[in-house]
Protein backbone atom coordinates (compact mmCIF):
# COMPACT_ATOMS: atom_id res chain seq x y z
CA UNK A 1 -9.00 -3.24 39.65
CA UNK A 2 -8.94 -0.71 42.24
CA UNK A 3 -9.72 -2.00 45.82
CA UNK A 4 -11.36 0.14 48.44
CA UNK A 5 -9.47 -0.39 51.72
CA UNK A 6 -11.19 -0.35 55.10
CA UNK A 7 -10.94 3.02 57.05
CA UNK A 8 -9.84 1.30 60.36
CA UNK A 9 -7.14 -0.58 58.39
CA UNK A 10 -5.91 2.89 57.10
CA UNK A 11 -5.75 4.21 60.50
CA UNK A 12 -3.71 1.03 61.94
CA UNK A 13 -1.47 1.33 58.81
CA UNK A 14 -0.61 5.08 59.51
CA UNK A 15 0.16 4.16 63.12
CA UNK A 16 2.42 1.25 62.10
CA UNK A 17 4.38 2.91 59.09
CA UNK A 18 3.68 6.64 59.29
CA UNK A 19 1.38 8.68 57.29
CA UNK A 20 3.47 9.26 54.31
CA UNK A 21 4.53 5.54 53.83
CA UNK A 22 0.92 4.41 54.52
CA UNK A 23 -0.28 6.67 51.63
CA UNK A 24 2.20 5.21 49.23
CA UNK A 25 1.55 1.59 50.57
CA UNK A 26 -2.31 2.09 50.27
CA UNK A 27 -2.00 3.26 46.62
CA UNK A 28 0.08 0.20 45.80
CA UNK A 29 -2.48 -2.15 47.62
CA UNK A 30 -5.18 -0.52 45.63
CA UNK A 31 -3.72 -0.20 42.17
CA UNK A 32 -0.61 -2.24 41.65
CA UNK A 33 -0.63 -5.70 40.28
CA UNK A 34 1.32 -8.25 42.51
CA UNK A 35 4.88 -9.41 41.45
CA UNK A 36 5.56 -13.00 40.53
CA UNK A 37 8.71 -14.87 41.34
CA UNK A 38 10.06 -18.32 41.57
CA UNK A 39 12.97 -19.97 43.31
CA UNK A 40 15.05 -22.61 41.60
CA UNK A 41 16.02 -25.83 43.29
CA UNK A 42 19.73 -26.03 42.51
CA UNK A 43 19.99 -29.46 44.30
CA UNK A 44 18.21 -30.55 41.14
CA UNK A 45 20.66 -28.75 38.79
CA UNK A 46 18.55 -25.90 38.07
CA UNK A 47 19.82 -22.30 37.16
CA UNK A 48 17.90 -19.20 36.40
CA UNK A 49 17.64 -18.01 32.83
CA UNK A 50 20.20 -15.86 31.41
CA UNK A 51 19.27 -12.13 32.08
CA UNK A 52 16.69 -12.83 34.55
CA UNK A 53 15.93 -10.39 37.19
CA UNK A 54 17.02 -11.88 40.56
CA UNK A 55 15.54 -11.27 43.91
CA UNK A 56 17.76 -8.77 45.82
CA UNK A 57 18.06 -10.88 49.04
CA UNK A 58 17.81 -14.48 47.39
CA UNK A 59 20.08 -15.61 44.56
CA UNK A 60 17.92 -18.57 43.98
CA UNK A 61 14.84 -16.41 43.26
CA UNK A 62 14.10 -14.36 40.20
CA UNK A 63 10.92 -12.59 38.63
CA UNK A 64 8.76 -13.72 35.86
CA UNK A 65 6.15 -11.82 33.90
CA UNK A 66 2.63 -13.10 33.35
CA UNK A 67 1.54 -16.18 35.31
CA UNK A 68 1.85 -19.38 33.04
CA UNK A 69 0.07 -22.58 33.53
CA UNK A 70 2.50 -23.97 36.07
CA UNK A 71 0.61 -27.33 36.24
CA UNK A 72 1.54 -27.92 32.50
CA UNK A 73 5.18 -27.98 33.25
CA UNK A 74 6.60 -31.27 34.24
CA UNK A 75 9.49 -29.47 35.80
CA UNK A 76 7.11 -27.78 38.42
CA UNK A 77 5.94 -31.23 39.34
CA UNK A 78 9.39 -32.51 39.67
CA UNK A 79 10.31 -29.59 42.13
CA UNK A 80 13.08 -28.14 39.87
CA UNK A 81 11.40 -24.74 40.74
CA UNK A 82 8.89 -23.52 43.37
CA UNK A 83 6.49 -20.37 43.01
CA UNK A 84 7.09 -18.14 45.95
CA UNK A 85 6.61 -14.41 46.57
CA UNK A 86 9.83 -12.65 46.80
CA UNK A 87 9.33 -11.14 50.14
CA UNK A 88 8.72 -14.60 51.77
CA UNK A 89 12.25 -15.64 50.49
CA UNK A 90 13.82 -13.33 52.91
CA UNK A 91 13.11 -15.79 55.87
CA UNK A 92 15.52 -18.18 54.61
CA UNK A 93 18.15 -15.53 53.94
CA UNK A 94 17.75 -14.37 57.58
CA UNK A 95 17.88 -18.08 58.80
CA UNK A 96 21.24 -18.50 57.10
CA UNK A 97 22.53 -15.21 58.24
CA UNK A 98 21.59 -15.92 61.88
CA UNK A 99 22.87 -19.46 61.70
CA UNK A 100 26.38 -18.24 60.79
CA UNK A 101 26.41 -15.62 63.28
CA UNK A 102 25.39 -17.50 66.36
CA UNK A 103 26.28 -21.19 65.66
CA UNK A 104 29.59 -22.80 64.88
CA UNK A 105 30.13 -23.67 61.11
CA UNK A 106 30.40 -27.38 61.65
CA UNK A 107 27.50 -27.53 64.04
CA UNK A 108 24.31 -29.58 63.09
CA UNK A 109 21.11 -27.71 63.58
CA UNK A 110 17.52 -28.79 64.27
CA UNK A 111 15.11 -26.32 62.79
CA UNK A 112 11.30 -25.98 63.33
CA UNK A 113 8.88 -24.35 60.94
CA UNK A 114 6.03 -24.35 63.08
CA UNK A 115 3.22 -22.99 60.72
CA UNK A 116 4.63 -24.29 57.37
CA UNK A 117 1.99 -24.74 54.69
CA UNK A 118 2.25 -24.46 51.85
CA UNK A 119 6.15 -24.96 52.21
CA UNK A 120 7.86 -22.15 50.61
CA UNK A 121 9.51 -20.95 53.77
CA UNK A 122 10.38 -24.37 54.60
CA UNK A 123 12.22 -25.00 51.42
CA UNK A 124 13.86 -21.72 51.84
CA UNK A 125 15.19 -22.87 55.21
CA UNK A 126 16.40 -26.16 53.73
CA UNK A 127 18.23 -24.39 50.83
CA UNK A 128 19.82 -21.84 53.24
CA UNK A 129 21.07 -24.22 55.86
CA UNK A 130 21.90 -27.20 53.71
CA UNK A 131 22.67 -30.58 54.88
CA UNK A 132 23.77 -29.42 58.44
CA UNK A 133 20.12 -28.81 59.46
CA UNK A 134 17.13 -31.38 60.09
CA UNK A 135 13.92 -29.54 59.55
CA UNK A 136 10.53 -30.15 61.02
CA UNK A 137 7.66 -28.54 58.99
CA UNK A 138 4.38 -28.40 60.87
CA UNK A 139 0.96 -27.39 59.86
CA UNK A 140 -2.32 -27.41 61.78
CA UNK A 141 -4.76 -27.75 58.96
CA UNK A 142 -4.99 -31.31 57.33
CA UNK A 143 -5.47 -30.21 53.96
CA UNK A 144 -2.83 -27.73 54.02
CA UNK A 145 -0.60 -30.37 55.53
CA UNK A 146 -1.11 -32.59 52.57
CA UNK A 147 -0.05 -29.72 50.17
CA UNK A 148 3.03 -29.13 52.49
CA UNK A 149 3.91 -32.73 52.32
CA UNK A 150 3.62 -32.74 48.64
CA UNK A 151 5.68 -29.70 48.13
CA UNK A 152 8.47 -31.20 50.52
CA UNK A 153 8.50 -34.23 48.50
CA UNK A 154 8.96 -32.36 45.11
CA UNK A 155 11.96 -30.37 46.74
CA UNK A 156 13.59 -33.77 47.27
CA UNK A 157 15.68 -33.00 50.56
CA UNK A 158 15.89 -36.10 52.77
CA UNK A 159 16.48 -34.07 55.98
CA UNK A 160 12.89 -33.15 56.72
CA UNK A 161 10.07 -34.43 58.79
CA UNK A 162 6.41 -33.40 58.25
CA UNK A 163 3.61 -33.14 61.00
CA UNK A 164 0.16 -32.24 61.08
CA UNK A 165 -1.34 -30.81 64.30
CA UNK A 166 -1.38 -27.57 66.41
CA UNK A 167 1.78 -25.75 66.63
CA UNK A 168 1.36 -25.37 70.25
CA UNK A 169 1.80 -28.94 71.06
CA UNK A 170 5.43 -28.72 69.81
CA UNK A 171 6.43 -27.00 72.87
CA UNK A 172 6.70 -30.31 74.55
CA UNK A 173 9.98 -31.03 72.79
CA UNK A 174 11.92 -29.24 75.24
CA UNK A 175 14.92 -27.61 74.18
CA UNK A 176 15.16 -29.50 70.99
CA UNK A 177 15.37 -26.80 68.34
CA UNK A 178 18.35 -24.61 67.68
CA UNK A 179 15.93 -22.34 65.38
CA UNK A 180 12.22 -21.99 65.43
CA UNK A 181 10.39 -20.00 62.77
CA UNK A 182 6.84 -19.17 63.24
CA UNK A 183 5.09 -17.50 60.16
CA UNK A 184 2.02 -17.09 62.23
CA UNK A 185 -1.64 -16.95 61.14
CA UNK A 186 -2.46 -13.44 60.59
CA UNK A 187 -4.94 -11.05 59.13
CA UNK A 188 -3.31 -11.10 55.75
CA UNK A 189 -3.00 -7.33 55.10
CA UNK A 190 0.26 -7.98 53.18
CA UNK A 191 -1.80 -10.19 50.68
CA UNK A 192 -4.39 -7.39 49.79
CA UNK A 193 -2.79 -6.58 46.58
CA UNK A 194 -2.41 -10.32 45.62
CA UNK A 195 -5.84 -11.78 47.04
CA UNK A 196 -9.01 -9.66 47.12
CA UNK A 197 -10.48 -11.78 49.63
CA UNK A 198 -7.83 -10.39 52.16
CA UNK A 199 -9.55 -7.11 51.83
CA UNK A 200 -12.98 -8.50 52.17
CA UNK A 201 -12.24 -10.56 55.38
CA UNK A 202 -10.27 -7.72 57.29
CA UNK A 203 -11.82 -6.36 60.44
CA UNK A 204 -10.47 -5.03 63.60
CA UNK A 205 -11.77 -8.17 65.47
CA UNK A 206 -10.00 -10.43 62.92
CA UNK A 207 -6.63 -8.43 63.91
CA UNK A 208 -7.42 -8.92 67.73
CA UNK A 209 -8.15 -12.54 67.23
CA UNK A 210 -4.97 -13.16 65.29
CA UNK A 211 -2.89 -11.31 67.79
CA UNK A 212 -4.15 -13.48 70.54
CA UNK A 213 -3.34 -16.64 68.64
CA UNK A 214 -0.03 -15.35 67.77
CA UNK A 215 1.01 -14.71 71.34
CA UNK A 216 -0.20 -18.18 72.41
CA UNK A 217 1.65 -20.04 69.49
CA UNK A 218 4.95 -18.19 70.44
CA UNK A 219 4.66 -18.72 74.11
CA UNK A 220 3.66 -22.28 73.60
CA UNK A 221 6.74 -23.00 71.38
CA UNK A 222 9.31 -21.16 73.46
CA UNK A 223 10.27 -24.12 75.60
CA UNK A 224 11.14 -26.28 72.59
CA UNK A 225 13.97 -23.57 71.92
CA UNK A 226 17.38 -24.37 73.24
CA UNK A 227 19.15 -21.82 75.43
CA UNK A 228 21.04 -19.55 73.04
CA UNK A 229 18.54 -20.62 70.04
CA UNK A 230 16.92 -18.19 67.63
CA UNK A 231 13.26 -17.50 67.11
CA UNK A 232 12.24 -16.07 63.91
CA UNK A 233 8.78 -14.45 64.11
CA UNK A 234 6.95 -13.33 60.84
CA UNK A 235 3.55 -12.45 59.50
CA UNK A 236 2.34 -11.20 56.22
CA UNK A 237 0.62 -8.22 57.90
CA UNK A 238 1.35 -4.57 58.74
CA UNK A 239 -0.29 -3.75 61.90
CA UNK A 240 1.58 -3.24 65.19
CA UNK A 241 -0.98 -5.42 67.26
CA UNK A 242 0.27 -8.40 65.32
CA UNK A 243 3.86 -7.45 64.77
CA UNK A 244 5.66 -5.18 67.19
CA UNK A 245 3.28 -5.81 70.11
CA UNK A 246 3.46 -9.76 69.81
CA UNK A 247 7.23 -9.14 69.55
CA UNK A 248 7.31 -7.10 72.69
CA UNK A 249 5.16 -9.27 74.61
CA UNK A 250 7.40 -12.22 74.08
CA UNK A 251 10.37 -10.28 75.27
CA UNK A 252 8.58 -9.20 78.51
CA UNK A 253 7.48 -12.78 79.36
CA UNK A 254 10.54 -14.57 78.37
CA UNK A 255 13.55 -12.20 78.72
CA UNK A 256 14.44 -12.78 75.20
CA UNK A 257 17.08 -10.70 73.52
CA UNK A 258 15.88 -8.82 70.34
CA UNK A 259 18.38 -9.38 67.43
CA UNK A 260 19.22 -6.40 65.28
CA UNK A 261 18.58 -7.60 61.72
CA UNK A 262 20.98 -6.10 59.33
CA UNK A 263 18.86 -4.31 56.87
CA UNK A 264 21.39 -4.20 54.25
CA UNK A 265 20.79 -7.67 53.40
CA UNK A 266 17.10 -6.77 52.45
CA UNK A 267 17.39 -3.72 50.02
CA UNK A 268 14.11 -1.79 50.20
CA UNK A 269 12.90 -3.35 53.52
CA UNK A 270 11.72 -0.80 56.28
CA UNK A 271 13.61 -1.14 59.56
CA UNK A 272 11.30 -0.56 62.67
CA UNK A 273 11.58 -0.93 66.25
CA UNK A 274 11.29 -4.59 66.49
CA UNK A 275 12.02 -5.95 62.93
CA UNK A 276 11.80 -5.39 59.12
CA UNK A 277 8.86 -4.56 57.02
CA UNK A 278 8.57 -5.39 53.45
CA UNK A 279 6.00 -3.16 51.91
CA UNK A 280 4.58 -3.47 48.31
CA UNK A 281 5.73 -0.65 46.41
CA UNK A 282 8.87 -0.18 48.30
CA UNK A 283 10.11 -3.70 47.68
CA UNK A 284 9.25 -5.84 44.77
CA UNK A 285 7.32 -8.43 46.57
CA UNK A 286 4.12 -8.62 48.73
CA UNK A 287 3.82 -7.77 52.40
CA UNK A 288 6.01 -9.15 55.29
CA UNK A 289 7.11 -8.48 58.68
CA UNK A 290 9.98 -10.48 60.29
CA UNK A 291 11.75 -10.19 63.67
CA UNK A 292 14.36 -12.33 65.42
CA UNK A 293 14.64 -13.09 69.02
CA UNK A 294 17.40 -15.02 70.98
CA UNK A 295 16.64 -17.21 74.04
CA UNK A 296 18.90 -16.37 77.09
CA UNK A 297 21.95 -18.68 77.11
CA UNK A 298 21.74 -21.13 80.10
CA UNK A 299 22.39 -24.55 81.18
CA UNK A 300 20.69 -27.21 78.79
CA UNK A 301 18.60 -29.87 80.43
CA UNK A 302 19.90 -33.36 80.66
CA UNK A 303 17.58 -35.71 78.67
CA UNK A 304 17.37 -39.45 78.24
CA UNK A 305 18.40 -40.21 74.60
CA UNK A 306 15.38 -41.04 72.32
CA UNK A 307 15.81 -44.08 70.11
CA UNK A 308 14.70 -44.45 66.64
CA UNK A 309 12.55 -47.52 65.43
CA UNK A 310 14.39 -50.37 64.11
CA UNK A 311 14.46 -50.73 60.14
CA UNK A 312 11.73 -52.76 58.41
CA UNK A 313 13.13 -56.19 57.10
CA UNK A 314 14.97 -55.76 53.95
CA UNK A 315 14.66 -51.89 54.12
CA UNK A 316 18.49 -51.59 54.84
CA UNK A 317 19.57 -53.61 51.89
CA UNK A 318 17.00 -51.55 49.74
CA UNK A 319 18.68 -48.49 50.78
CA UNK A 320 22.01 -49.72 49.98
CA UNK A 321 20.74 -50.25 46.57
CA UNK A 322 18.65 -47.12 45.92
CA UNK A 323 20.68 -44.28 47.66
CA UNK A 324 23.64 -42.33 46.36
CA UNK A 325 25.57 -42.53 49.51
CA UNK A 326 23.84 -45.23 51.81
CA UNK A 327 26.69 -45.07 54.35
CA UNK A 328 25.64 -41.52 55.36
CA UNK A 329 22.07 -42.85 56.60
CA UNK A 330 20.51 -44.65 59.33
CA UNK A 331 17.51 -46.64 58.24
CA UNK A 332 14.48 -46.47 60.67
CA UNK A 333 11.21 -48.27 59.95
CA UNK A 334 10.72 -47.44 56.31
CA UNK A 335 12.85 -44.24 56.22
CA UNK A 336 16.46 -43.16 55.73
CA UNK A 337 17.80 -40.51 58.13
CA UNK A 338 21.12 -38.73 57.67
CA UNK A 339 23.19 -40.31 60.71
CA UNK A 340 24.21 -37.14 61.86
CA UNK A 341 20.70 -36.06 62.66
CA UNK A 342 19.55 -39.34 64.02
CA UNK A 343 19.33 -37.80 67.52
CA UNK A 344 17.25 -34.89 66.52
CA UNK A 345 15.04 -37.19 64.53
CA UNK A 346 14.62 -39.54 67.34
CA UNK A 347 13.21 -36.67 69.42
CA UNK A 348 11.04 -35.49 66.71
CA UNK A 349 9.61 -39.18 66.07
CA UNK A 350 7.56 -38.84 69.18
CA UNK A 351 5.38 -36.04 67.91
CA UNK A 352 1.67 -36.84 67.25
CA UNK A 353 0.53 -36.41 63.61
CA UNK A 354 3.75 -37.35 62.09
CA UNK A 355 3.50 -37.56 58.38
CA UNK A 356 6.99 -38.51 57.38
CA UNK A 357 10.35 -38.53 59.06
CA UNK A 358 13.51 -38.23 56.95
CA UNK A 359 13.36 -39.81 53.35
CA UNK A 360 10.38 -42.63 53.07
CA UNK A 361 12.09 -45.34 50.97
CA UNK A 362 9.15 -47.52 50.21
CA UNK A 363 6.50 -50.09 51.64
CA UNK A 364 6.98 -53.61 52.08
CA UNK A 365 4.23 -55.56 50.26
CA UNK A 366 4.58 -59.36 50.58
CA UNK A 367 8.25 -60.06 50.01
CA UNK A 368 8.90 -56.91 47.88
CA UNK A 369 9.56 -53.26 48.54
CA UNK A 370 7.55 -50.90 46.55
CA UNK A 371 9.48 -47.72 46.28
CA UNK A 372 8.07 -44.51 47.45
CA UNK A 373 7.26 -41.41 45.28
CA UNK A 374 9.34 -39.32 47.74
CA UNK A 375 12.29 -41.59 46.91
CA UNK A 376 11.77 -40.93 43.14
CA UNK A 377 12.04 -37.18 43.60
CA UNK A 378 14.65 -37.35 46.23
CA UNK A 379 18.04 -35.54 45.60
CA UNK A 380 19.77 -38.66 46.99
CA UNK A 381 18.38 -41.29 44.73
CA UNK A 382 21.15 -43.17 43.04
CA UNK A 383 20.97 -42.32 39.35
CA UNK A 384 21.26 -46.02 38.07
CA UNK A 385 19.33 -47.67 40.83
CA UNK A 386 16.26 -48.32 38.55
CA UNK A 387 16.01 -48.54 34.77
CA UNK A 388 14.87 -45.00 33.33
CA UNK A 389 12.65 -44.08 30.48
CA UNK A 390 12.85 -40.42 29.13
CA UNK A 391 9.38 -39.34 28.17
CA UNK A 392 8.18 -36.79 25.51
CA UNK A 393 6.08 -33.79 26.63
CA UNK A 394 2.60 -35.45 25.83
CA UNK A 395 3.72 -38.69 27.48
CA UNK A 396 5.00 -37.15 30.56
CA UNK A 397 1.78 -35.19 31.00
CA UNK A 398 -0.26 -38.50 30.41
CA UNK A 399 2.01 -40.04 33.25
CA UNK A 400 1.16 -37.24 35.47
CA UNK A 401 -2.42 -38.01 35.00
CA UNK A 402 -1.76 -41.37 36.16
CA UNK A 403 -2.47 -42.96 32.79
CA UNK A 404 -1.21 -46.44 31.92
CA UNK A 405 2.18 -46.41 29.84
CA UNK A 406 1.68 -48.40 26.75
CA UNK A 407 4.48 -49.12 24.16
CA UNK A 408 7.56 -49.59 26.59
CA UNK A 409 10.61 -50.19 24.25
CA UNK A 410 12.08 -53.42 23.86
CA UNK A 411 14.87 -54.27 26.17
CA UNK A 412 13.40 -52.20 29.14
CA UNK A 413 13.81 -54.41 32.20
CA UNK A 414 10.81 -55.66 33.93
CA UNK A 415 9.96 -54.17 37.42
CA UNK A 416 10.33 -50.74 38.85
CA UNK A 417 11.32 -48.01 36.37
CA UNK A 418 11.64 -44.25 36.65
CA UNK A 419 9.97 -42.36 33.93
CA UNK A 420 12.04 -39.12 33.23
CA UNK A 421 11.40 -35.53 32.03
CA UNK A 422 14.72 -34.01 30.93
CA UNK A 423 16.74 -36.35 32.79
CA UNK A 424 14.99 -36.17 36.20
CA UNK A 425 12.36 -38.56 37.70
CA UNK A 426 8.72 -37.89 37.72
CA UNK A 427 7.99 -40.90 39.93
CA UNK A 428 7.79 -44.64 39.53
CA UNK A 429 6.16 -47.10 37.16
CA UNK A 430 6.32 -51.01 37.04
CA UNK A 431 7.22 -52.47 33.73
CA UNK A 432 5.30 -55.55 33.15
CA UNK A 433 6.35 -56.04 29.59
CA UNK A 434 5.31 -53.81 26.60
CA UNK A 435 3.43 -51.53 28.94
CA UNK A 436 3.78 -50.31 32.68
CA UNK A 437 1.55 -49.76 35.39
CA UNK A 438 1.57 -46.14 36.51
CA UNK A 439 2.49 -45.73 40.16
CA UNK A 440 1.91 -41.97 40.37
CA UNK A 441 0.05 -41.07 43.58
CA UNK A 442 -3.64 -40.81 43.07
CA UNK A 443 -4.06 -37.82 45.42
CA UNK A 444 -1.78 -35.66 43.47
CA UNK A 445 -2.67 -36.69 39.77
CA UNK A 446 -3.01 -33.90 37.35
CA UNK A 447 -6.54 -33.06 36.51
CA UNK A 448 -5.66 -31.18 33.24
CA UNK A 449 -6.80 -32.99 30.09
CA UNK A 450 -5.00 -33.11 26.77
CA UNK A 451 -7.12 -30.45 25.37
CA UNK A 452 -6.24 -27.98 28.03
CA UNK A 453 -2.52 -28.30 27.63
CA UNK A 454 -0.34 -25.92 25.47
CA UNK A 455 1.62 -27.74 22.68
CA UNK A 456 4.74 -27.32 24.57
CA UNK A 457 5.57 -26.76 28.36
CA UNK A 458 5.78 -23.20 29.71
CA UNK A 459 9.25 -21.60 29.34
CA UNK A 460 10.31 -20.68 32.93
CA UNK A 461 13.97 -21.82 33.19
C-alpha cells in the first residue's frame, strides 16, 4: 500500500542525501515491501540453507521470502536463529572490524550496548567479538528490557550482563568499556517502509526532541569509554539533525577522532561526511546510519579493583557438574562468569537495575539447586549434565505452552531433565515418575493453541 510521506520529511531527506537519492528513497519507502532476513546462531550449530542469499556484510545473515509464523518453530525459541533486519547486522560487522584494527588480537574487551532492546545488535556484537568480549546490554524501558533478556537467554552466550535503566547513568562506570555502541532512540524514518506508524508519528518536533536526547545519551556515556576506546553511534533514521549533527556535536565537545569507515565492507551503503547510510532501495535492508568515533588516547585512571560477590553455597559444585569447561569460570552468587572477564564483570556488578550478569546457573531452594532456564539454553551447558528427552513437534509445542509432560518413558531418571528439539534443549522439566513438571518460565510461555499451529514447523534452516 502506498504511503504519503510528510512534506517536511522530504525536505529533510533532500538535505541529508541529495535530491536524486531522496527521490529514489522516497519511492522505495512509499511503494516497496520491506526485506526479511535472519541471522543464524553458529554457536548452536546452525548453518544457512544451501543456496540461500546471504547478507553482503554478514555471513551469518540470509534473506527469506514471506514471513512465516516464527513462534511455531521450536528452533526460534531455542535461539538457533534470530530475526533481524539486514542493515542492522552491519553494526556487529563494524565492531569486529574496529576491534581488529585498534586492539591487540589477544586483548579481552568490555563492550556496552547502551540502547539494546530487542537485542539483535547485542547478539551481533557477541557473535562478532566472540569469547574475548564481555558485553553489557542495557535498555531503559522495563518491558523492552524483559524482551532483551529473553533474546539474550535464547542466544546462549555466558559472557553477557543485562541491565534496565536510563543509558545516561552508565557514564558513572568511568573508563570501563573498550567499545560503546549506542543505537540511539530516533524518529524512525528508516522504518517507514516496514512500520506504517513510523510515518504517522513523524513530525519536525519529534526530530528535534530525538536529537536532544541523542546528544544527552552520548555525552553522558562518554566518560565510561576508555582512552583510545571506540564509540559506535547509530540510528534508524536519515535526517542530518539526528545523524551528522549529533556526531559533529560530540566531536566538538570531546575532541574525539572521527574514524573513516571502509565502505567496501558494506556494499551499497552510501558514504557521507560522518559515516555510512543504508538506504532502502539501494541496499537490501531498511534504513540505518552509523558512525564511529575514537576517544583520544591518554593516561587511564587508577581504580581500586571491584570484587565480585562470593558464590552461593553449593553453586560451585553445581557448576562443575553442569558446565562443559567449569575451570574457565568464576562463580559469583548464582552466576558463572568467565574468569578472564571477572574484573569487567565486577565493575558492571555495581550497576543499578542489573537483571543478570554472566550465566545464571540456578536458584537454591532448600537444599537443592533448581537449574535456570538460561542454563538450559546456554552454549556452555555440558551435554550429559542432565538426562535428556527428545520431543516430537506437537510435544515440543505443548512444552513451550507450559503444559505438564505425561508419558515419560520408563527408565528416565527422576529429577531435572532437558526436553530436546532436534538435539538441543528447550528448557528444563522435573521428572517425578511417569510424568514431568514443566519448568518453562511462565512469562515467556507460548500463547498459540494447537489449532493455530501448522502440522510441521516452518522451514527456515
